[in-house]
Amino acid sequence: MEDEGIHNRIEQLVAEEHELYERGAQGGLSEGEHRRLDSIKVALDQSWDLLRQRRALREAGRDPGAASVRDPEVVEGYEQ
């Protein structure tokens, strides 16, 4: 996936995340909506990580296409 596609995916996820937060503020979320919110957070972390990998590869003169989506356990274990 190219950078633009990753950015588009991030924008979609952020929009859905904001929608769920707004819905939650207006009366709470169902269990399924809470699970979806959790999965969105992981997908966002994976997407940002993928962009960082692609940028690092590009800056090192390597093929950014060699970057891959890392497992949730990996990206969720990063310290911020």
PDB file of N, CA and C in Angstrom:
ATOM      1  N   MET A   1       0.854  -1.172   0.000  1.00  0.00           N
ATOM      2  CA  MET A   1       0.000   0.000   0.000  1.00  0.00           C
ATOM      3  C   MET A   1       0.905   1.243   0.000  1.00  0.00           C
ATOM      4  N   GLU A   2       0.551   2.211  -0.791  1.00  0.00           N
ATOM      5  CA  GLU A   2       1.307   3.456  -0.879  1.00  0.00           C
ATOM      6  C   GLU A   2       0.951   4.377   0.292  1.00  0.00           C
ATOM      7  N   ASP A   3       1.814   5.377   0.518  1.00  0.00           N
ATOM      8  CA  ASP A   3       1.592   6.312   1.624  1.00  0.00           C
ATOM      9  C   ASP A   3       0.214   6.965   1.562  1.00  0.00           C
ATOM     10  N   GLU A   4      -0.208   7.365   0.387  1.00  0.00           N
ATOM     11  CA  GLU A   4      -1.509   8.032   0.258  1.00  0.00           C
ATOM     12  C   GLU A   4      -2.644   7.116   0.705  1.00  0.00           C
ATOM     13  N   GLY A   5      -2.571   5.853   0.343  1.00  0.00           N
ATOM     14  CA  GLY A   5      -3.589   4.899   0.764  1.00  0.00           C
ATOM     15  C   GLY A   5      -3.601   4.704   2.270  1.00  0.00           C
ATOM     16  N   ILE A   6      -2.408   4.715   2.859  1.00  0.00           N
ATOM     17  CA  ILE A   6      -2.315   4.570   4.315  1.00  0.00           C
ATOM     18  C   ILE A   6      -2.909   5.803   4.985  1.00  0.00           C
ATOM     19  N   HIS A   7      -2.575   6.986   4.459  1.00  0.00           N
ATOM     20  CA  HIS A   7      -3.144   8.222   5.013  1.00  0.00           C
ATOM     21  C   HIS A   7      -4.668   8.217   4.903  1.00  0.00           C
ATOM     22  N   ASN A   8      -5.189   7.763   3.777  1.00  0.00           N
ATOM     23  CA  ASN A   8      -6.643   7.697   3.597  1.00  0.00           C
ATOM     24  C   ASN A   8      -7.271   6.752   4.617  1.00  0.00           C
ATOM     25  N   ARG A   9      -6.622   5.620   4.840  1.00  0.00           N
ATOM     26  CA  ARG A   9      -7.127   4.656   5.818  1.00  0.00           C
ATOM     27  C   ARG A   9      -7.131   5.273   7.218  1.00  0.00           C
ATOM     28  N   ILE A  10      -6.070   6.001   7.553  1.00  0.00           N
ATOM     29  CA  ILE A  10      -5.990   6.665   8.854  1.00  0.00           C
ATOM     30  C   ILE A  10      -7.131   7.660   9.003  1.00  0.00           C
ATOM     31  N   GLU A  11      -7.383   8.445   7.977  1.00  0.00           N
ATOM     32  CA  GLU A  11      -8.476   9.423   8.029  1.00  0.00           C
ATOM     33  C   GLU A  11      -9.815   8.749   8.245  1.00  0.00           C
ATOM     34  N   GLN A  12     -10.055   7.624   7.576  1.00  0.00           N
ATOM     35  CA  GLN A  12     -11.311   6.887   7.752  1.00  0.00           C
ATOM     36  C   GLN A  12     -11.446   6.377   9.186  1.00  0.00           C
ATOM     37  N   LEU A  13     -10.361   5.815   9.696  1.00  0.00           N
ATOM     38  CA  LEU A  13     -10.383   5.285  11.060  1.00  0.00           C
ATOM     39  C   LEU A  13     -10.605   6.390  12.084  1.00  0.00           C
ATOM     40  N   VAL A  14      -9.941   7.522  11.890  1.00  0.00           N
ATOM     41  CA  VAL A  14     -10.104   8.645  12.818  1.00  0.00           C
ATOM     42  C   VAL A  14     -11.546   9.155  12.795  1.00  0.00           C
ATOM     43  N   ALA A  15     -12.131   9.244  11.616  1.00  0.00           N
ATOM     44  CA  ALA A  15     -13.519   9.704  11.512  1.00  0.00           C
ATOM     45  C   ALA A  15     -14.451   8.753  12.254  1.00  0.00           C
ATOM     46  N   GLU A  16     -14.235   7.449  12.080  1.00  0.00           N
ATOM     47  CA  GLU A  16     -15.075   6.470  12.773  1.00  0.00           C
ATOM     48  C   GLU A  16     -14.841   6.530  14.283  1.00  0.00           C
ATOM     49  N   GLU A  17     -13.589   6.712  14.688  1.00  0.00           N
ATOM     50  CA  GLU A  17     -13.260   6.823  16.106  1.00  0.00           C
ATOM     51  C   GLU A  17     -13.981   8.021  16.725  1.00  0.00           C
ATOM     52  N   HIS A  18     -13.929   9.161  16.051  1.00  0.00           N
ATOM     53  CA  HIS A  18     -14.599  10.372  16.563  1.00  0.00           C
ATOM     54  C   HIS A  18     -16.108  10.162  16.648  1.00  0.00           C
ATOM     55  N   GLU A  19     -16.666   9.497  15.659  1.00  0.00           N
ATOM     56  CA  GLU A  19     -18.099   9.219  15.664  1.00  0.00           C
ATOM     57  C   GLU A  19     -18.478   8.365  16.879  1.00  0.00           C
ATOM     58  N   LEU A  20     -17.664   7.359  17.163  1.00  0.00           N
ATOM     59  CA  LEU A  20     -17.943   6.504  18.315  1.00  0.00           C
ATOM     60  C   LEU A  20     -17.786   7.269  19.627  1.00  0.00           C
ATOM     61  N   TYR A  21     -16.761   8.119  19.719  1.00  0.00           N
ATOM     62  CA  TYR A  21     -16.591   8.928  20.930  1.00  0.00           C
ATOM     63  C   TYR A  21     -17.781   9.861  21.137  1.00  0.00           C
ATOM     64  N   GLU A  22     -18.258  10.463  20.057  1.00  0.00           N
ATOM     65  CA  GLU A  22     -19.422  11.348  20.160  1.00  0.00           C
ATOM     66  C   GLU A  22     -20.650  10.570  20.598  1.00  0.00           C
ATOM     67  N   ARG A  23     -20.840   9.408  20.007  1.00  0.00           N
ATOM     68  CA  ARG A  23     -21.979   8.570  20.376  1.00  0.00           C
ATOM     69  C   ARG A  23     -21.880   8.163  21.843  1.00  0.00           C
ATOM     70  N   GLY A  24     -20.675   7.843  22.288  1.00  0.00           N
ATOM     71  CA  GLY A  24     -20.472   7.469  23.684  1.00  0.00           C
ATOM     72  C   GLY A  24     -20.771   8.606  24.632  1.00  0.00           C
ATOM     73  N   ALA A  25     -20.424   9.819  24.240  1.00  0.00           N
ATOM     74  CA  ALA A  25     -20.685  10.990  25.075  1.00  0.00           C
ATOM     75  C   ALA A  25     -22.167  11.298  25.175  1.00  0.00           C
ATOM     76  N   GLN A  26     -22.929  10.829  24.200  1.00  0.00           N
ATOM     77  CA  GLN A  26     -24.367  11.115  24.176  1.00  0.00           C
ATOM     78  C   GLN A  26     -25.194  10.015  24.811  1.00  0.00           C
ATOM     79  N   GLY A  27     -24.562   9.019  25.361  1.00  0.00           N
ATOM     80  CA  GLY A  27     -25.390   8.000  25.992  1.00  0.00           C
ATOM     81  C   GLY A  27     -24.726   6.647  26.115  1.00  0.00           C
ATOM     82  N   GLY A  28     -23.467   6.576  25.869  1.00  0.00           N
ATOM     83  CA  GLY A  28     -22.770   5.311  26.046  1.00  0.00           C
ATOM     84  C   GLY A  28     -22.692   4.491  24.777  1.00  0.00           C
ATOM     85  N   LEU A  29     -21.834   3.504  24.817  1.00  0.00           N
ATOM     86  CA  LEU A  29     -21.627   2.613  23.683  1.00  0.00           C
ATOM     87  C   LEU A  29     -21.999   1.193  24.076  1.00  0.00           C
ATOM     88  N   SER A  30     -22.408   0.442  23.086  1.00  0.00           N
ATOM     89  CA  SER A  30     -22.679  -0.969  23.314  1.00  0.00           C
ATOM     90  C   SER A  30     -21.350  -1.706  23.457  1.00  0.00           C
ATOM     91  N   GLU A  31     -21.429  -2.941  23.883  1.00  0.00           N
ATOM     92  CA  GLU A  31     -20.219  -3.754  24.021  1.00  0.00           C
ATOM     93  C   GLU A  31     -19.515  -3.896  22.668  1.00  0.00           C
ATOM     94  N   GLY A  32     -20.290  -4.082  21.617  1.00  0.00           N
ATOM     95  CA  GLY A  32     -19.725  -4.198  20.272  1.00  0.00           C
ATOM     96  C   GLY A  32     -19.040  -2.915  19.817  1.00  0.00           C
ATOM     97  N   GLU A  33     -19.620  -1.790  20.182  1.00  0.00           N
ATOM     98  CA  GLU A  33     -19.014  -0.507  19.825  1.00  0.00           C
ATOM     99  C   GLU A  33     -17.717  -0.278  20.605  1.00  0.00           C
ATOM    100  N   HIS A  34     -17.668  -0.733  21.851  1.00  0.00           N
ATOM    101  CA  HIS A  34     -16.426  -0.645  22.632  1.00  0.00           C
ATOM    102  C   HIS A  34     -15.341  -1.513  21.997  1.00  0.00           C
ATOM    103  N   ARG A  35     -15.719  -2.713  21.559  1.00  0.00           N
ATOM    104  CA  ARG A  35     -14.751  -3.589  20.891  1.00  0.00           C
ATOM    105  C   ARG A  35     -14.259  -2.948  19.594  1.00  0.00           C
ATOM    106  N   ARG A  36     -15.178  -2.337  18.844  1.00  0.00           N
ATOM    107  CA  ARG A  36     -14.791  -1.680  17.597  1.00  0.00           C
ATOM    108  C   ARG A  36     -13.837  -0.521  17.875  1.00  0.00           C
ATOM    109  N   LEU A  37     -14.099   0.244  18.893  1.00  0.00           N
ATOM    110  CA  LEU A  37     -13.224   1.357  19.267  1.00  0.00           C
ATOM    111  C   LEU A  37     -11.824   0.840  19.603  1.00  0.00           C
ATOM    112  N   ASP A  38     -11.760  -0.261  20.336  1.00  0.00           N
ATOM    113  CA  ASP A  38     -10.461  -0.859  20.652  1.00  0.00           C
ATOM    114  C   ASP A  38      -9.738  -1.306  19.385  1.00  0.00           C
ATOM    115  N   SER A  39     -10.469  -1.907  18.453  1.00  0.00           N
ATOM    116  CA  SER A  39      -9.828  -2.381  17.218  1.00  0.00           C
ATOM    117  C   SER A  39      -9.386  -1.210  16.335  1.00  0.00           C
ATOM    118  N   ILE A  40     -10.113  -0.112  16.385  1.00  0.00           N
ATOM    119  CA  ILE A  40      -9.720   1.088  15.634  1.00  0.00           C
ATOM    120  C   ILE A  40      -8.405   1.623  16.183  1.00  0.00           C
ATOM    121  N   LYS A  41      -8.274   1.656  17.497  1.00  0.00           N
ATOM    122  CA  LYS A  41      -7.042   2.154  18.117  1.00  0.00           C
ATOM    123  C   LYS A  41      -5.841   1.322  17.679  1.00  0.00           C
ATOM    124  N   VAL A  42      -6.004   0.014  17.638  1.00  0.00           N
ATOM    125  CA  VAL A  42      -4.920  -0.867  17.211  1.00  0.00           C
ATOM    126  C   VAL A  42      -4.614  -0.640  15.728  1.00  0.00           C
ATOM    127  N   ALA A  43      -5.647  -0.541  14.909  1.00  0.00           N
ATOM    128  CA  ALA A  43      -5.445  -0.324  13.473  1.00  0.00           C
ATOM    129  C   ALA A  43      -4.747   1.009  13.218  1.00  0.00           C
ATOM    130  N   LEU A  44      -5.065   2.029  13.998  1.00  0.00           N
ATOM    131  CA  LEU A  44      -4.384   3.316  13.857  1.00  0.00           C
ATOM    132  C   LEU A  44      -2.908   3.182  14.227  1.00  0.00           C
ATOM    133  N   ASP A  45      -2.617   2.501  15.322  1.00  0.00           N
ATOM    134  CA  ASP A  45      -1.222   2.295  15.713  1.00  0.00           C
ATOM    135  C   ASP A  45      -0.456   1.533  14.631  1.00  0.00           C
ATOM    136  N   GLN A  46      -1.085   0.514  14.059  1.00  0.00           N
ATOM    137  CA  GLN A  46      -0.444  -0.251  12.996  1.00  0.00           C
ATOM    138  C   GLN A  46      -0.207   0.619  11.758  1.00  0.00           C
ATOM    139  N   SER A  47      -1.172   1.446  11.422  1.00  0.00           N
ATOM    140  CA  SER A  47      -1.050   2.301  10.241  1.00  0.00           C
ATOM    141  C   SER A  47       0.054   3.331  10.410  1.00  0.00           C
ATOM    142  N   TRP A  48       0.112   3.971  11.576  1.00  0.00           N
ATOM    143  CA  TRP A  48       1.173   4.949  11.830  1.00  0.00           C
ATOM    144  C   TRP A  48       2.532   4.267  11.831  1.00  0.00           C
ATOM    145  N   ASP A  49       2.610   3.083  12.406  1.00  0.00           N
ATOM    146  CA  ASP A  49       3.860   2.329  12.414  1.00  0.00           C
ATOM    147  C   ASP A  49       4.293   2.005  10.986  1.00  0.00           C
ATOM    148  N   LEU A  50       3.361   1.606  10.143  1.00  0.00           N
ATOM    149  CA  LEU A  50       3.670   1.297   8.750  1.00  0.00           C
ATOM    150  C   LEU A  50       4.218   2.524   8.028  1.00  0.00           C
ATOM    151  N   LEU A  51       3.607   3.668   8.257  1.00  0.00           N
ATOM    152  CA  LEU A  51       4.119   4.908   7.650  1.00  0.00           C
ATOM    153  C   LEU A  51       5.541   5.213   8.130  1.00  0.00           C
ATOM    154  N   ARG A  52       5.791   5.021   9.425  1.00  0.00           N
ATOM    155  CA  ARG A  52       7.138   5.279   9.961  1.00  0.00           C
ATOM    156  C   ARG A  52       8.156   4.310   9.352  1.00  0.00           C
ATOM    157  N   GLN A  53       7.772   3.055   9.210  1.00  0.00           N
ATOM    158  CA  GLN A  53       8.658   2.079   8.577  1.00  0.00           C
ATOM    159  C   GLN A  53       8.991   2.495   7.148  1.00  0.00           C
ATOM    160  N   ARG A  54       7.953   2.876   6.392  1.00  0.00           N
ATOM    161  CA  ARG A  54       8.150   3.270   4.990  1.00  0.00           C
ATOM    162  C   ARG A  54       9.066   4.494   4.904  1.00  0.00           C
ATOM    163  N   ARG A  55       8.867   5.457   5.781  1.00  0.00           N
ATOM    164  CA  ARG A  55       9.697   6.662   5.781  1.00  0.00           C
ATOM    165  C   ARG A  55      11.153   6.310   6.091  1.00  0.00           C
ATOM    166  N   ALA A  56      11.357   5.464   7.088  1.00  0.00           N
ATOM    167  CA  ALA A  56      12.717   5.077   7.476  1.00  0.00           C
ATOM    168  C   ALA A  56      13.409   4.330   6.330  1.00  0.00           C
ATOM    169  N   LEU A  57      12.704   3.439   5.684  1.00  0.00           N
ATOM    170  CA  LEU A  57      13.286   2.710   4.556  1.00  0.00           C
ATOM    171  C   LEU A  57      13.635   3.669   3.418  1.00  0.00           C
ATOM    172  N   ARG A  58      12.737   4.584   3.128  1.00  0.00           N
ATOM    173  CA  ARG A  58      12.972   5.557   2.061  1.00  0.00           C
ATOM    174  C   ARG A  58      14.202   6.409   2.377  1.00  0.00           C
ATOM    175  N   GLU A  59      14.296   6.879   3.628  1.00  0.00           N
ATOM    176  CA  GLU A  59      15.425   7.715   4.031  1.00  0.00           C
ATOM    177  C   GLU A  59      16.745   6.949   4.002  1.00  0.00           C
ATOM    178  N   ALA A  60      16.680   5.634   4.174  1.00  0.00           N
ATOM    179  CA  ALA A  60      17.877   4.800   4.131  1.00  0.00           C
ATOM    180  C   ALA A  60      18.207   4.360   2.703  1.00  0.00           C
ATOM    181  N   GLY A  61      17.430   4.845   1.729  1.00  0.00           N
ATOM    182  CA  GLY A  61      17.675   4.495   0.336  1.00  0.00           C
ATOM    183  C   GLY A  61      17.189   3.111  -0.034  1.00  0.00           C
ATOM    184  N   ARG A  62      16.304   2.572   0.756  1.00  0.00           N
ATOM    185  CA  ARG A  62      15.759   1.234   0.492  1.00  0.00           C
ATOM    186  C   ARG A  62      14.325   1.338   0.004  1.00  0.00           C
ATOM    187  N   ASP A  63      13.772   0.222  -0.388  1.00  0.00           N
ATOM    188  CA  ASP A  63      12.417   0.156  -0.937  1.00  0.00           C
ATOM    189  C   ASP A  63      11.382   0.264   0.174  1.00  0.00           C
ATOM    190  N   PRO A  64      10.555   1.335   0.172  1.00  0.00           N
ATOM    191  CA  PRO A  64       9.519   1.451   1.206  1.00  0.00           C
ATOM    192  C   PRO A  64       8.468   0.353   1.104  1.00  0.00           C
ATOM    193  N   GLY A  65       8.392  -0.290  -0.048  1.00  0.00           N
ATOM    194  CA  GLY A  65       7.452  -1.394  -0.214  1.00  0.00           C
ATOM    195  C   GLY A  65       7.811  -2.617   0.613  1.00  0.00           C
ATOM    196  N   ALA A  66       9.014  -2.627   1.180  1.00  0.00           N
ATOM    197  CA  ALA A  66       9.431  -3.742   2.024  1.00  0.00           C
ATOM    198  C   ALA A  66       8.818  -3.650   3.423  1.00  0.00           C
ATOM    199  N   ALA A  67       8.229  -2.522   3.749  1.00  0.00           N
ATOM    200  CA  ALA A  67       7.578  -2.363   5.055  1.00  0.00           C
ATOM    201  C   ALA A  67       6.342  -3.245   5.119  1.00  0.00           C
ATOM    202  N   SER A  68       6.027  -3.694   6.312  1.00  0.00           N
ATOM    203  CA  SER A  68       4.841  -4.531   6.479  1.00  0.00           C
ATOM    204  C   SER A  68       4.125  -4.180   7.778  1.00  0.00           C
ATOM    205  N   VAL A  69       2.850  -4.518   7.815  1.00  0.00           N
ATOM    206  CA  VAL A  69       2.036  -4.273   9.009  1.00  0.00           C
ATOM    207  C   VAL A  69       2.500  -5.230  10.090  1.00  0.00           C
ATOM    208  N   ARG A  70       2.815  -4.676  11.240  1.00  0.00           N
ATOM    209  CA  ARG A  70       3.275  -5.495  12.357  1.00  0.00           C
ATOM    210  C   ARG A  70       2.092  -5.959  13.192  1.00  0.00           C
ATOM    211  N   ASP A  71       2.291  -7.051  13.891  1.00  0.00           N
ATOM    212  CA  ASP A  71       1.241  -7.609  14.747  1.00  0.00           C
ATOM    213  C   ASP A  71       0.833  -6.616  15.828  1.00  0.00           C
ATOM    214  N   PRO A  72      -0.432  -6.681  16.249  1.00  0.00           N
ATOM    215  CA  PRO A  72      -0.902  -5.788  17.315  1.00  0.00           C
ATOM    216  C   PRO A  72      -0.045  -5.861  18.573  1.00  0.00           C
ATOM    217  N   GLU A  73       0.424  -7.052  18.924  1.00  0.00           N
ATOM    218  CA  GLU A  73       1.221  -7.197  20.133  1.00  0.00           C
ATOM    219  C   GLU A  73       2.512  -6.378  20.043  1.00  0.00           C
ATOM    220  N   VAL A  74       3.036  -6.224  18.834  1.00  0.00           N
ATOM    221  CA  VAL A  74       4.274  -5.478  18.637  1.00  0.00           C
ATOM    222  C   VAL A  74       4.011  -3.981  18.767  1.00  0.00           C
ATOM    223  N   VAL A  75       3.046  -3.465  17.996  1.00  0.00           N
ATOM    224  CA  VAL A  75       2.806  -2.015  17.994  1.00  0.00           C
ATOM    225  C   VAL A  75       2.191  -1.543  19.300  1.00  0.00           C
ATOM    226  N   GLU A  76       1.453  -2.385  19.962  1.00  0.00           N
ATOM    227  CA  GLU A  76       0.858  -1.987  21.235  1.00  0.00           C
ATOM    228  C   GLU A  76       1.872  -2.023  22.373  1.00  0.00           C
ATOM    229  N   GLY A  77       3.014  -2.658  22.139  1.00  0.00           N
ATOM    230  CA  GLY A  77       4.037  -2.749  23.164  1.00  0.00           C
ATOM    231  C   GLY A  77       5.029  -1.591  23.124  1.00  0.00           C
ATOM    232  N   TYR A  78       4.925  -0.726  22.108  1.00  0.00           N
ATOM    233  CA  TYR A  78       5.843   0.405  22.003  1.00  0.00           C
ATOM    234  C   TYR A  78       5.595   1.400  23.120  1.00  0.00           C
ATOM    235  N   GLU A  79       6.682   1.980  23.630  1.00  0.00           N
ATOM    236  CA  GLU A  79       6.549   3.061  24.599  1.00  0.00           C
ATOM    237  C   GLU A  79       6.433   4.364  23.844  1.00  0.00           C
ATOM    238  N   GLN A  80       5.652   5.287  24.391  1.00  0.00           N
ATOM    239  CA  GLN A  80       5.472   6.563  23.701  1.00  0.00           C
ATOM    240  C   GLN A  80       6.192   7.669  24.392  1.00  0.00           C
TER     241      GLN A  80
END
